[in-house]
N, C-alpha and C. Protein backbone atom coordinates (compact mmCIF):
# COMPACT_ATOMS: atom_id res chain seq x y z
N UNK A 1 0.90 -1.16 -0.01
CA UNK A 1 -0.03 0.04 0.01
C UNK A 1 0.90 1.26 0.04
N UNK A 2 0.57 2.26 -0.82
CA UNK A 2 1.18 3.53 -0.82
C UNK A 2 0.12 4.65 -0.77
N UNK A 3 0.47 5.75 -0.69
CA UNK A 3 -0.59 6.90 -0.73
C UNK A 3 -1.40 6.91 -1.96
N UNK A 4 -0.74 6.48 -3.07
CA UNK A 4 -1.39 6.57 -4.33
C UNK A 4 -2.17 5.19 -4.66
N UNK A 5 -1.66 4.02 -4.10
CA UNK A 5 -2.30 2.81 -4.48
C UNK A 5 -2.68 2.05 -3.23
N UNK A 6 -3.81 1.55 -3.18
CA UNK A 6 -4.28 0.67 -2.12
C UNK A 6 -4.73 -0.68 -2.72
N UNK A 7 -4.20 -1.74 -2.31
CA UNK A 7 -4.59 -3.14 -2.70
C UNK A 7 -5.32 -3.72 -1.58
N UNK A 8 -6.61 -4.11 -1.86
CA UNK A 8 -7.47 -4.66 -0.79
C UNK A 8 -7.23 -6.17 -0.81
N UNK A 9 -6.52 -6.60 0.21
CA UNK A 9 -6.07 -7.97 0.38
C UNK A 9 -6.91 -8.87 1.19
N UNK A 10 -8.22 -8.32 1.47
CA UNK A 10 -9.18 -9.15 2.32
C UNK A 10 -9.43 -10.53 1.65
N UNK A 11 -9.44 -11.58 2.54
CA UNK A 11 -9.65 -12.92 2.05
C UNK A 11 -10.79 -13.05 1.09
N UNK A 12 -11.98 -12.51 1.37
CA UNK A 12 -13.03 -12.64 0.56
C UNK A 12 -12.89 -12.09 -0.79
N UNK A 13 -12.18 -10.95 -0.80
CA UNK A 13 -11.82 -10.16 -2.16
C UNK A 13 -11.04 -11.04 -2.98
N UNK A 14 -9.99 -11.60 -2.33
CA UNK A 14 -8.90 -12.38 -3.08
C UNK A 14 -9.68 -13.73 -3.58
N UNK A 15 -10.43 -14.37 -2.79
CA UNK A 15 -11.11 -15.61 -3.18
C UNK A 15 -12.04 -15.42 -4.31
N UNK A 16 -12.91 -14.37 -4.24
CA UNK A 16 -13.77 -14.09 -5.28
C UNK A 16 -13.01 -13.77 -6.59
N UNK A 17 -12.02 -12.91 -6.47
CA UNK A 17 -11.24 -12.49 -7.63
C UNK A 17 -10.68 -13.88 -8.32
N UNK A 18 -10.18 -14.74 -7.51
CA UNK A 18 -9.68 -15.99 -8.12
C UNK A 18 -10.59 -16.82 -8.98
N UNK A 19 -11.91 -16.77 -8.36
CA UNK A 19 -13.03 -17.42 -9.13
C UNK A 19 -13.29 -16.80 -10.42
N UNK A 20 -13.16 -15.39 -10.39
CA UNK A 20 -13.41 -14.70 -11.61
C UNK A 20 -12.38 -14.85 -12.75
N UNK A 21 -11.14 -15.09 -12.31
CA UNK A 21 -10.13 -15.18 -13.19
C UNK A 21 -10.24 -16.57 -14.07
N UNK A 22 -10.84 -17.41 -13.53
CA UNK A 22 -10.89 -18.87 -14.16
C UNK A 22 -11.46 -18.75 -15.50
N UNK A 23 -10.94 -19.42 -16.54
CA UNK A 23 -11.37 -19.30 -17.78
C UNK A 23 -12.85 -20.01 -17.96
N UNK A 24 -13.07 -20.91 -17.12
CA UNK A 24 -14.39 -21.53 -17.26
C UNK A 24 -15.47 -20.86 -16.43
N UNK A 25 -15.23 -19.70 -15.77
CA UNK A 25 -16.20 -18.96 -15.09
C UNK A 25 -17.38 -18.40 -16.00
N UNK A 26 -18.55 -18.92 -15.78
CA UNK A 26 -19.64 -18.55 -16.62
C UNK A 26 -19.94 -17.04 -16.51
N UNK A 27 -20.72 -16.49 -17.61
CA UNK A 27 -21.09 -15.09 -17.59
C UNK A 27 -21.92 -14.76 -16.38
N UNK A 28 -22.81 -15.59 -16.05
CA UNK A 28 -23.65 -15.34 -14.89
C UNK A 28 -22.85 -15.33 -13.53
N UNK A 29 -21.97 -16.28 -13.35
CA UNK A 29 -21.23 -16.28 -12.22
C UNK A 29 -20.24 -15.21 -12.11
N UNK A 30 -19.69 -14.82 -13.20
CA UNK A 30 -18.74 -13.63 -13.33
C UNK A 30 -19.48 -12.30 -12.88
N UNK A 31 -20.63 -12.15 -13.39
CA UNK A 31 -21.50 -10.90 -13.19
C UNK A 31 -21.73 -10.91 -11.58
N UNK A 32 -22.24 -12.02 -11.04
CA UNK A 32 -22.57 -12.07 -9.62
C UNK A 32 -21.42 -11.86 -8.78
N UNK A 33 -20.16 -12.42 -9.19
CA UNK A 33 -18.90 -12.13 -8.39
C UNK A 33 -18.50 -10.78 -8.38
N UNK A 34 -18.54 -10.07 -9.60
CA UNK A 34 -18.23 -8.68 -9.76
C UNK A 34 -19.08 -7.87 -8.86
N UNK A 35 -20.32 -8.25 -8.82
CA UNK A 35 -21.30 -7.42 -7.90
C UNK A 35 -20.94 -7.55 -6.35
N UNK A 36 -20.59 -8.71 -5.98
CA UNK A 36 -20.12 -8.95 -4.60
C UNK A 36 -18.90 -8.47 -4.24
N UNK A 37 -17.89 -8.52 -5.16
CA UNK A 37 -16.64 -7.96 -4.94
C UNK A 37 -16.58 -6.44 -4.87
N UNK A 38 -17.51 -5.87 -5.69
CA UNK A 38 -17.60 -4.41 -5.62
C UNK A 38 -18.11 -3.85 -4.39
N UNK A 39 -18.95 -4.50 -3.68
CA UNK A 39 -19.36 -4.15 -2.32
C UNK A 39 -18.26 -4.09 -1.46
N UNK A 40 -17.36 -5.04 -1.39
CA UNK A 40 -16.24 -5.11 -0.61
C UNK A 40 -15.22 -4.09 -0.89
N UNK A 41 -15.07 -3.67 -2.18
CA UNK A 41 -14.15 -2.70 -2.56
C UNK A 41 -14.73 -1.36 -2.36
N UNK A 42 -15.93 -1.26 -2.32
CA UNK A 42 -16.66 0.09 -2.01
C UNK A 42 -16.40 0.39 -0.60
N UNK A 43 -16.38 -0.60 0.28
CA UNK A 43 -16.08 -0.28 1.68
C UNK A 43 -14.90 0.48 1.85
N UNK A 44 -13.77 -0.10 1.07
CA UNK A 44 -12.46 0.59 1.19
C UNK A 44 -12.34 1.92 0.58
N UNK A 45 -12.94 2.17 -0.66
CA UNK A 45 -12.83 3.30 -1.36
C UNK A 45 -13.59 4.51 -0.72
N UNK A 46 -14.58 4.12 0.02
CA UNK A 46 -15.29 5.19 0.74
C UNK A 46 -14.80 5.42 2.19
N UNK A 47 -13.59 4.93 2.55
CA UNK A 47 -13.12 5.20 3.81
C UNK A 47 -12.60 6.63 3.81
N UNK A 48 -12.64 7.08 5.14
CA UNK A 48 -12.24 8.54 5.37
C UNK A 48 -12.94 9.57 4.62
N UNK A 49 -14.27 9.35 4.50
CA UNK A 49 -15.28 10.38 4.06
C UNK A 49 -15.38 11.39 5.09
N UNK A 50 -15.58 12.63 4.75
CA UNK A 50 -15.84 13.68 5.78
C UNK A 50 -17.16 13.25 6.61
N UNK A 51 -17.11 13.53 7.90
CA UNK A 51 -18.20 13.19 8.76
C UNK A 51 -18.53 14.40 9.51
N UNK A 52 -19.70 14.46 10.03
CA UNK A 52 -20.31 15.42 10.94
C UNK A 52 -21.29 14.77 11.84
N UNK A 53 -22.00 15.50 12.69
CA UNK A 53 -23.00 14.83 13.58
C UNK A 53 -24.32 15.45 13.39
N UNK A 54 -25.33 14.70 13.72
CA UNK A 54 -26.62 15.34 13.86
C UNK A 54 -27.32 14.80 15.12
N UNK A 55 -28.17 15.57 15.70
CA UNK A 55 -28.87 15.14 16.93
C UNK A 55 -30.08 14.34 16.52
N UNK A 56 -30.08 13.12 17.16
CA UNK A 56 -31.15 12.24 16.85
C UNK A 56 -31.82 11.78 18.23
N UNK A 57 -32.99 11.07 17.97
CA UNK A 57 -33.61 10.52 19.20
C UNK A 57 -33.56 9.09 19.08
N UNK A 58 -32.92 8.39 19.98
CA UNK A 58 -32.91 6.87 20.07
C UNK A 58 -34.14 6.57 21.06
N UNK A 59 -34.44 5.29 21.11
CA UNK A 59 -35.58 4.94 22.02
C UNK A 59 -35.33 5.32 23.42
N UNK A 60 -34.10 5.54 23.74
CA UNK A 60 -33.89 5.91 25.16
C UNK A 60 -33.41 7.47 25.49
N UNK A 61 -32.83 8.17 24.48
CA UNK A 61 -32.48 9.50 24.75
C UNK A 61 -32.10 10.20 23.39
N UNK A 62 -31.78 11.41 23.57
CA UNK A 62 -31.12 12.07 22.50
C UNK A 62 -29.69 11.84 22.32
N UNK A 63 -29.04 11.97 21.20
CA UNK A 63 -27.65 11.86 21.21
C UNK A 63 -27.12 12.61 19.87
N UNK A 64 -25.84 13.03 19.81
CA UNK A 64 -25.21 13.47 18.61
C UNK A 64 -24.53 12.36 17.93
N UNK A 65 -25.10 12.02 16.78
CA UNK A 65 -24.73 10.72 16.09
C UNK A 65 -23.90 11.09 14.70
N UNK A 66 -22.90 10.25 14.40
CA UNK A 66 -22.14 10.56 13.18
C UNK A 66 -22.97 10.29 11.92
N UNK A 67 -22.76 11.24 10.91
CA UNK A 67 -23.37 11.13 9.56
C UNK A 67 -22.35 11.50 8.59
N UNK A 68 -22.51 11.24 7.36
CA UNK A 68 -21.64 11.60 6.32
C UNK A 68 -21.90 13.11 5.96
N UNK A 69 -20.92 13.95 5.83
CA UNK A 69 -21.04 15.38 5.71
C UNK A 69 -21.17 15.77 4.10
N UNK A 70 -21.73 16.76 3.92
CA UNK A 70 -21.84 17.34 2.43
C UNK A 70 -22.78 16.68 1.65
N UNK A 71 -22.59 17.06 0.34
CA UNK A 71 -23.56 16.49 -0.66
C UNK A 71 -23.24 14.98 -0.81
N UNK A 72 -24.28 14.24 -1.38
CA UNK A 72 -24.10 12.83 -1.72
C UNK A 72 -23.01 12.60 -2.66
N UNK A 73 -22.35 11.49 -2.50
CA UNK A 73 -21.11 11.20 -3.33
C UNK A 73 -21.54 10.98 -4.83
N UNK A 74 -20.69 11.03 -5.62
CA UNK A 74 -20.96 10.80 -7.15
C UNK A 74 -20.19 9.66 -7.56
N UNK A 75 -20.74 8.80 -8.40
CA UNK A 75 -20.12 7.66 -8.97
C UNK A 75 -20.06 7.95 -10.48
N UNK A 76 -18.94 7.66 -11.04
CA UNK A 76 -18.70 7.80 -12.52
C UNK A 76 -18.28 6.45 -13.10
N UNK A 77 -19.12 5.88 -14.01
CA UNK A 77 -18.79 4.62 -14.60
C UNK A 77 -18.19 4.87 -15.94
N UNK A 78 -17.00 4.27 -16.29
CA UNK A 78 -16.34 4.30 -17.61
C UNK A 78 -17.12 3.07 -18.22
N UNK A 79 -17.78 3.52 -19.25
CA UNK A 79 -18.55 2.48 -20.08
C UNK A 79 -17.66 1.55 -20.79
N UNK A 80 -17.99 0.35 -21.05
CA UNK A 80 -19.33 -0.17 -20.57
C UNK A 80 -19.06 -1.08 -19.25
N UNK A 81 -17.83 -1.55 -19.13
CA UNK A 81 -17.48 -2.45 -18.00
C UNK A 81 -17.60 -1.86 -16.54
N UNK A 82 -17.53 -0.68 -16.52
CA UNK A 82 -17.61 0.06 -15.33
C UNK A 82 -18.92 -0.17 -14.59
N UNK A 83 -19.91 -0.48 -15.40
CA UNK A 83 -21.24 -0.78 -14.75
C UNK A 83 -21.26 -1.94 -13.95
N UNK A 84 -20.40 -2.86 -14.15
CA UNK A 84 -20.42 -4.04 -13.28
C UNK A 84 -20.01 -3.67 -11.86
N UNK A 85 -19.06 -2.76 -11.68
CA UNK A 85 -18.68 -2.23 -10.36
C UNK A 85 -19.72 -1.30 -9.79
N UNK A 86 -20.37 -0.53 -10.72
CA UNK A 86 -21.33 0.46 -10.25
C UNK A 86 -22.60 -0.19 -9.54
N UNK A 87 -23.05 -1.27 -10.15
CA UNK A 87 -24.22 -1.82 -9.63
C UNK A 87 -24.13 -2.22 -8.12
N UNK A 88 -22.91 -2.83 -7.85
CA UNK A 88 -22.76 -3.24 -6.49
C UNK A 88 -22.56 -2.06 -5.55
N UNK A 89 -21.88 -1.03 -5.91
CA UNK A 89 -21.59 0.13 -5.03
C UNK A 89 -22.91 0.83 -4.78
N UNK A 90 -23.83 0.83 -5.84
CA UNK A 90 -25.25 1.41 -5.57
C UNK A 90 -26.04 0.72 -4.57
N UNK A 91 -25.80 -0.61 -4.37
CA UNK A 91 -26.52 -1.32 -3.36
C UNK A 91 -26.06 -0.73 -2.02
N UNK A 92 -24.86 -0.51 -1.95
CA UNK A 92 -24.30 0.00 -0.63
C UNK A 92 -24.63 1.48 -0.37
N UNK A 93 -24.59 2.32 -1.54
CA UNK A 93 -24.80 3.74 -1.39
C UNK A 93 -25.91 4.03 -2.44
N UNK A 94 -27.08 3.75 -2.11
CA UNK A 94 -28.22 3.82 -3.17
C UNK A 94 -28.56 5.28 -3.48
N UNK A 95 -28.20 6.33 -2.66
CA UNK A 95 -28.55 7.66 -2.89
C UNK A 95 -27.32 8.44 -3.72
N UNK A 96 -26.36 7.69 -4.18
CA UNK A 96 -25.29 8.45 -4.80
C UNK A 96 -25.77 8.95 -6.17
N UNK A 97 -25.19 9.98 -6.71
CA UNK A 97 -25.41 10.47 -7.89
C UNK A 97 -24.59 9.72 -8.87
N UNK A 98 -24.93 9.52 -10.14
CA UNK A 98 -24.28 8.74 -11.04
C UNK A 98 -24.01 9.28 -12.39
N UNK A 99 -22.83 9.23 -12.86
CA UNK A 99 -22.52 9.75 -14.29
C UNK A 99 -21.83 8.68 -15.07
N UNK A 100 -21.74 8.91 -16.42
CA UNK A 100 -21.14 7.90 -17.32
C UNK A 100 -20.16 8.60 -18.24
N UNK A 101 -19.12 7.96 -18.52
CA UNK A 101 -18.21 8.43 -19.64
C UNK A 101 -18.06 7.22 -20.52
N UNK A 102 -18.29 7.38 -21.77
CA UNK A 102 -18.04 6.46 -22.83
C UNK A 102 -16.80 6.55 -23.44
N UNK A 103 -15.77 5.70 -23.30
CA UNK A 103 -14.55 5.70 -24.01
C UNK A 103 -14.16 4.24 -24.60
N UNK A 104 -13.74 4.22 -25.79
CA UNK A 104 -13.31 2.93 -26.22
C UNK A 104 -11.82 3.15 -26.75
N UNK A 105 -11.07 1.98 -26.67
CA UNK A 105 -9.64 2.02 -26.88
C UNK A 105 -9.41 1.67 -28.44
N UNK A 106 -8.72 2.63 -29.07
CA UNK A 106 -8.34 2.34 -30.39
C UNK A 106 -7.32 1.12 -30.42
N UNK A 107 -7.70 0.14 -31.11
CA UNK A 107 -6.79 -1.04 -31.09
C UNK A 107 -5.43 -0.80 -31.73
N UNK A 108 -5.35 0.21 -32.66
CA UNK A 108 -3.97 0.49 -33.19
C UNK A 108 -3.16 1.41 -32.22
N UNK A 109 -3.67 2.43 -31.71
CA UNK A 109 -2.89 3.29 -31.04
C UNK A 109 -3.04 3.11 -29.43
N UNK A 110 -3.95 2.30 -29.07
CA UNK A 110 -4.31 1.96 -27.70
C UNK A 110 -4.68 3.36 -26.93
N UNK A 111 -5.09 4.38 -27.65
CA UNK A 111 -5.40 5.62 -27.10
C UNK A 111 -7.14 5.61 -26.92
N UNK A 112 -7.66 6.35 -25.97
CA UNK A 112 -9.02 6.40 -25.80
C UNK A 112 -9.69 7.40 -26.71
N UNK A 113 -10.92 7.04 -27.01
CA UNK A 113 -11.77 7.88 -27.96
C UNK A 113 -13.06 7.96 -27.25
N UNK A 114 -13.47 9.29 -27.07
CA UNK A 114 -14.75 9.57 -26.27
C UNK A 114 -15.78 9.54 -27.17
N UNK A 115 -16.93 8.92 -26.67
CA UNK A 115 -18.17 8.86 -27.41
C UNK A 115 -19.42 9.12 -26.63
N UNK A 116 -19.30 9.31 -25.29
CA UNK A 116 -20.34 9.54 -24.47
C UNK A 116 -19.96 10.33 -23.11
N UNK A 117 -20.69 11.36 -22.63
CA UNK A 117 -20.26 12.03 -21.53
C UNK A 117 -21.32 12.64 -20.73
N UNK A 118 -21.84 12.14 -19.66
CA UNK A 118 -22.99 12.63 -18.94
C UNK A 118 -22.74 12.59 -17.52
N UNK A 119 -22.46 13.68 -16.86
CA UNK A 119 -22.00 13.70 -15.43
C UNK A 119 -22.89 14.52 -14.54
N UNK A 120 -22.96 14.21 -13.24
CA UNK A 120 -23.83 14.84 -12.27
C UNK A 120 -23.48 16.25 -12.11
N UNK A 121 -24.36 17.04 -11.53
CA UNK A 121 -24.13 18.53 -11.35
C UNK A 121 -23.21 18.67 -9.99
N UNK A 122 -22.74 19.80 -9.70
CA UNK A 122 -22.00 20.17 -8.54
C UNK A 122 -21.02 19.16 -8.01
N UNK A 123 -20.18 18.67 -9.09
CA UNK A 123 -19.22 17.72 -8.69
C UNK A 123 -18.07 18.20 -7.68
N UNK A 124 -17.89 19.68 -7.76
CA UNK A 124 -17.02 20.20 -6.95
C UNK A 124 -17.29 20.14 -5.44
N UNK A 125 -18.64 19.83 -5.11
CA UNK A 125 -19.02 19.61 -3.76
C UNK A 125 -19.21 18.17 -3.30
N UNK A 126 -18.75 17.31 -4.26
CA UNK A 126 -19.03 15.85 -3.94
C UNK A 126 -17.72 15.17 -3.93
N UNK A 127 -17.57 14.07 -3.15
CA UNK A 127 -16.49 13.04 -3.38
C UNK A 127 -17.04 12.30 -4.83
N UNK A 128 -16.09 12.17 -5.68
CA UNK A 128 -16.31 11.57 -6.92
C UNK A 128 -15.48 10.35 -7.02
N UNK A 129 -16.27 9.13 -7.20
CA UNK A 129 -15.44 7.87 -7.39
C UNK A 129 -15.69 7.45 -8.87
N UNK A 130 -14.56 7.25 -9.55
CA UNK A 130 -14.60 6.79 -10.91
C UNK A 130 -14.30 5.21 -10.94
N UNK A 131 -15.13 4.55 -11.66
CA UNK A 131 -15.07 3.09 -11.60
C UNK A 131 -14.88 2.42 -13.06
N UNK A 132 -13.90 1.57 -13.03
CA UNK A 132 -13.64 0.65 -14.30
C UNK A 132 -13.00 -0.59 -13.75
N UNK A 133 -13.44 -1.82 -14.17
CA UNK A 133 -12.73 -2.86 -13.66
C UNK A 133 -11.29 -3.13 -13.96
N UNK A 134 -10.86 -2.61 -15.06
CA UNK A 134 -9.36 -2.88 -15.51
C UNK A 134 -8.62 -1.61 -15.67
N UNK A 135 -7.55 -1.47 -14.91
CA UNK A 135 -6.55 -0.40 -15.23
C UNK A 135 -5.39 -0.94 -15.94
N UNK A 136 -5.47 -0.79 -17.26
CA UNK A 136 -4.45 -1.46 -18.01
C UNK A 136 -3.38 -0.47 -18.45
N UNK A 137 -3.56 0.07 -19.68
CA UNK A 137 -2.57 1.13 -20.06
C UNK A 137 -2.71 2.38 -19.21
N UNK A 138 -3.96 2.50 -18.74
CA UNK A 138 -4.25 3.78 -17.95
C UNK A 138 -4.69 4.99 -18.76
N UNK A 139 -4.58 4.75 -20.03
CA UNK A 139 -4.97 5.97 -20.96
C UNK A 139 -6.54 6.24 -20.86
N UNK A 140 -7.26 5.31 -20.87
CA UNK A 140 -8.74 5.52 -20.82
C UNK A 140 -9.11 6.08 -19.38
N UNK A 141 -8.55 5.51 -18.30
CA UNK A 141 -8.89 6.00 -16.97
C UNK A 141 -8.39 7.50 -16.89
N UNK A 142 -7.14 7.78 -17.33
CA UNK A 142 -6.72 9.18 -17.27
C UNK A 142 -7.49 10.08 -17.97
N UNK A 143 -8.00 9.71 -19.12
CA UNK A 143 -8.78 10.60 -20.10
C UNK A 143 -10.24 10.75 -19.40
N UNK A 144 -10.79 9.82 -18.78
CA UNK A 144 -11.98 9.99 -18.04
C UNK A 144 -11.89 10.89 -16.73
N UNK A 145 -10.86 10.70 -16.17
CA UNK A 145 -10.62 11.78 -15.04
C UNK A 145 -10.41 13.14 -15.56
N UNK A 146 -9.82 13.23 -16.64
CA UNK A 146 -9.59 14.64 -17.16
C UNK A 146 -11.06 15.17 -17.43
N UNK A 147 -11.96 14.45 -17.90
CA UNK A 147 -13.30 14.97 -18.11
C UNK A 147 -13.97 15.12 -16.74
N UNK A 148 -13.75 14.45 -15.87
CA UNK A 148 -14.50 14.62 -14.46
C UNK A 148 -13.90 15.85 -13.81
N UNK A 149 -12.60 16.01 -14.01
CA UNK A 149 -11.96 17.36 -13.52
C UNK A 149 -12.46 18.52 -14.24
N UNK A 150 -12.67 18.48 -15.58
CA UNK A 150 -13.19 19.58 -16.33
C UNK A 150 -14.57 19.86 -15.95
N UNK A 151 -15.38 18.89 -15.41
CA UNK A 151 -16.65 19.16 -14.90
C UNK A 151 -16.72 19.75 -13.43
N UNK A 152 -15.54 19.97 -12.87
CA UNK A 152 -15.44 20.49 -11.60
C UNK A 152 -15.16 19.72 -10.36
N UNK A 153 -14.91 18.48 -10.68
CA UNK A 153 -14.68 17.59 -9.51
C UNK A 153 -13.20 18.01 -8.88
N UNK A 154 -13.14 17.92 -7.57
CA UNK A 154 -11.95 18.17 -6.91
C UNK A 154 -11.44 16.87 -6.28
N UNK A 155 -12.27 16.43 -5.35
CA UNK A 155 -11.80 15.15 -4.60
C UNK A 155 -12.31 13.88 -5.35
N UNK A 156 -11.41 13.11 -5.93
CA UNK A 156 -11.58 12.11 -6.86
C UNK A 156 -10.83 10.89 -6.43
N UNK A 157 -11.52 9.65 -6.42
CA UNK A 157 -10.87 8.50 -6.22
C UNK A 157 -11.16 7.48 -7.34
N UNK A 158 -10.18 6.52 -7.61
CA UNK A 158 -10.38 5.62 -8.74
C UNK A 158 -10.48 4.19 -8.20
N UNK A 159 -11.52 3.45 -8.54
CA UNK A 159 -11.73 2.18 -8.12
C UNK A 159 -11.69 1.21 -9.30
N UNK A 160 -10.89 0.09 -9.22
CA UNK A 160 -10.75 -0.88 -10.32
C UNK A 160 -10.62 -2.26 -9.70
N UNK A 161 -10.90 -3.27 -10.35
CA UNK A 161 -10.79 -4.67 -9.94
C UNK A 161 -9.34 -5.15 -10.09
N UNK A 162 -8.73 -4.88 -11.24
CA UNK A 162 -7.41 -5.24 -11.48
C UNK A 162 -6.56 -4.10 -12.08
N UNK A 163 -5.27 -3.98 -11.74
CA UNK A 163 -4.39 -2.90 -12.12
C UNK A 163 -3.15 -3.60 -12.76
N UNK A 164 -2.53 -2.98 -13.81
CA UNK A 164 -1.21 -3.32 -14.23
C UNK A 164 -0.24 -2.22 -13.70
N UNK A 165 1.00 -2.56 -13.69
CA UNK A 165 2.05 -1.49 -13.21
C UNK A 165 2.06 -0.37 -14.18
N UNK A 166 1.90 -0.62 -15.40
CA UNK A 166 1.93 0.44 -16.38
C UNK A 166 0.79 1.47 -16.31
N UNK A 167 -0.37 0.80 -15.87
CA UNK A 167 -1.58 1.81 -15.71
C UNK A 167 -1.41 2.59 -14.51
N UNK A 168 -0.97 2.02 -13.37
CA UNK A 168 -0.63 2.74 -12.13
C UNK A 168 0.18 3.82 -12.38
N UNK A 169 1.32 3.56 -13.07
CA UNK A 169 2.34 4.57 -13.33
C UNK A 169 1.81 5.75 -14.20
N UNK A 170 0.94 5.38 -15.22
CA UNK A 170 0.34 6.33 -16.14
C UNK A 170 -0.53 7.31 -15.32
N UNK A 171 -1.33 6.67 -14.51
CA UNK A 171 -2.28 7.33 -13.47
C UNK A 171 -1.60 8.29 -12.53
N UNK A 172 -0.58 7.85 -11.98
CA UNK A 172 0.31 8.70 -11.08
C UNK A 172 0.85 9.80 -11.82
N UNK A 173 1.26 9.60 -13.05
CA UNK A 173 1.83 10.65 -13.90
C UNK A 173 0.76 11.77 -14.15
N UNK A 174 -0.29 11.34 -14.63
CA UNK A 174 -1.41 12.12 -15.08
C UNK A 174 -2.23 12.85 -13.97
N UNK A 175 -2.48 11.96 -12.95
CA UNK A 175 -3.21 12.55 -11.86
C UNK A 175 -2.85 11.99 -10.34
N UNK A 176 -1.77 12.53 -10.08
CA UNK A 176 -1.13 12.13 -8.82
C UNK A 176 -1.94 12.49 -7.60
N UNK A 177 -2.91 13.34 -7.79
CA UNK A 177 -3.84 13.53 -6.63
C UNK A 177 -5.09 12.67 -6.51
N UNK A 178 -5.07 11.72 -7.39
CA UNK A 178 -6.28 10.73 -7.44
C UNK A 178 -5.84 9.26 -6.82
N UNK A 179 -6.18 8.92 -5.59
CA UNK A 179 -5.79 7.61 -5.09
C UNK A 179 -6.56 6.47 -5.82
N UNK A 180 -5.81 5.35 -5.96
CA UNK A 180 -6.36 4.16 -6.68
C UNK A 180 -6.56 2.98 -5.69
N UNK A 181 -7.73 2.52 -5.75
CA UNK A 181 -8.11 1.24 -4.93
C UNK A 181 -8.39 0.09 -5.80
N UNK A 182 -7.59 -1.02 -5.52
CA UNK A 182 -7.92 -2.15 -6.47
C UNK A 182 -7.72 -3.44 -5.63
N UNK A 183 -8.16 -4.56 -6.24
CA UNK A 183 -8.13 -5.84 -5.57
C UNK A 183 -6.66 -6.50 -5.83
N UNK A 184 -6.08 -6.21 -6.92
CA UNK A 184 -4.83 -6.83 -7.28
C UNK A 184 -3.92 -6.02 -8.23
N UNK A 185 -2.63 -5.95 -8.01
CA UNK A 185 -1.67 -5.44 -8.93
C UNK A 185 -1.08 -6.63 -9.68
N UNK A 186 -1.36 -6.83 -11.03
CA UNK A 186 -0.85 -7.92 -11.76
C UNK A 186 0.47 -7.57 -12.29
N UNK A 187 1.07 -8.56 -13.12
CA UNK A 187 2.38 -8.60 -13.50
C UNK A 187 2.66 -7.42 -14.47
N UNK A 188 1.94 -7.44 -15.67
CA UNK A 188 2.37 -6.61 -16.81
C UNK A 188 1.22 -6.52 -17.78
N UNK A 189 1.50 -5.78 -18.85
CA UNK A 189 0.63 -5.86 -20.01
C UNK A 189 1.27 -6.70 -21.08
N UNK A 190 0.35 -7.32 -21.91
CA UNK A 190 1.00 -8.03 -23.16
C UNK A 190 0.99 -7.04 -24.20
N UNK A 191 1.41 -7.59 -25.41
CA UNK A 191 1.59 -6.73 -26.59
C UNK A 191 0.25 -6.08 -27.06
N UNK A 192 -0.72 -6.61 -26.70
CA UNK A 192 -2.07 -6.07 -27.05
C UNK A 192 -2.63 -5.21 -26.00
N UNK A 193 -2.01 -4.91 -24.91
CA UNK A 193 -2.46 -3.93 -23.86
C UNK A 193 -3.37 -4.74 -22.94
N UNK A 194 -3.44 -6.03 -22.85
CA UNK A 194 -4.18 -6.61 -21.90
C UNK A 194 -3.43 -6.99 -20.60
N UNK A 195 -4.15 -7.00 -19.42
CA UNK A 195 -3.41 -7.33 -18.24
C UNK A 195 -3.17 -8.74 -18.08
N UNK A 196 -1.86 -9.19 -17.80
CA UNK A 196 -1.48 -10.46 -17.57
C UNK A 196 -1.00 -10.67 -15.97
N UNK A 197 -1.53 -11.71 -15.41
CA UNK A 197 -2.39 -12.86 -15.88
C UNK A 197 -3.77 -12.46 -16.12
N UNK A 198 -4.32 -11.47 -15.45
CA UNK A 198 -5.60 -10.85 -15.75
C UNK A 198 -6.77 -11.74 -15.72
N UNK A 199 -7.72 -11.33 -16.45
CA UNK A 199 -9.04 -12.15 -16.53
C UNK A 199 -9.64 -12.16 -17.85
N UNK A 200 -8.94 -11.59 -18.79
CA UNK A 200 -9.62 -11.32 -20.12
C UNK A 200 -10.18 -10.03 -20.18
N UNK A 201 -11.10 -9.82 -21.12
CA UNK A 201 -11.82 -8.61 -21.30
C UNK A 201 -13.07 -8.57 -20.32
N UNK A 202 -13.02 -7.66 -19.24
CA UNK A 202 -14.18 -7.70 -18.25
C UNK A 202 -15.44 -7.50 -18.87
N UNK A 203 -15.62 -6.59 -19.88
CA UNK A 203 -16.76 -6.27 -20.52
C UNK A 203 -17.46 -7.46 -21.21
N UNK A 204 -16.53 -8.12 -22.05
CA UNK A 204 -16.96 -9.33 -22.75
C UNK A 204 -17.44 -10.39 -21.75
N UNK A 205 -16.66 -10.61 -20.64
CA UNK A 205 -17.03 -11.77 -19.81
C UNK A 205 -18.31 -11.28 -19.03
N UNK A 206 -18.44 -10.08 -18.62
CA UNK A 206 -19.64 -9.66 -17.94
C UNK A 206 -21.01 -9.73 -18.77
N UNK A 207 -20.93 -9.32 -20.06
CA UNK A 207 -22.07 -9.29 -20.86
C UNK A 207 -22.31 -10.58 -21.87
N UNK A 208 -21.33 -11.41 -21.80
CA UNK A 208 -21.35 -12.60 -22.75
C UNK A 208 -21.17 -12.38 -24.11
N UNK A 209 -20.16 -11.47 -24.38
CA UNK A 209 -19.91 -11.08 -25.77
C UNK A 209 -18.51 -11.62 -26.24
N UNK A 210 -17.95 -12.37 -25.41
CA UNK A 210 -16.54 -12.86 -25.82
C UNK A 210 -16.65 -13.90 -26.96
């Protein structure tokens, strides 16, 4: 763990990730595991949120009880695979505002191409969590965070299932102020820009389009 990168090594996270990596993991099982693991990762990425207190009545007395401060947090999914993490986090934080950034990777240049951008209002007053299962080259993630910052976001965190060293380095270079939370830091990228050992294309495996 560093200030920039947090690897969630909880046994449940690691066990579920291993099941997802298996080549014979079915689409339905992959989707279910991703939802389950996203709940556990959400616990870590929402750590250290600003808190305040409000006076409430319990069945016995009044008390000053802790609550999350400020406007509701914002979640930004990098389409399409980010939606797999998004669904699980929304179970934990159903009142979160949600935005979407559509980027696809040019297979020749490995650079991101934007095709959709719809973000919540008042991002400058919200903790914004950008989600995408795979941090590979880091180009798409860095581009998405560029767009989120242009929309006014100040406090941003990035949540992914798997990261490659190349992607972590790219993100640290482009956005040193954005901490990364992930379940695993894998070995490297292959010549096509896929994470090794990885788990293949998360979107294809989630939606059954492989």
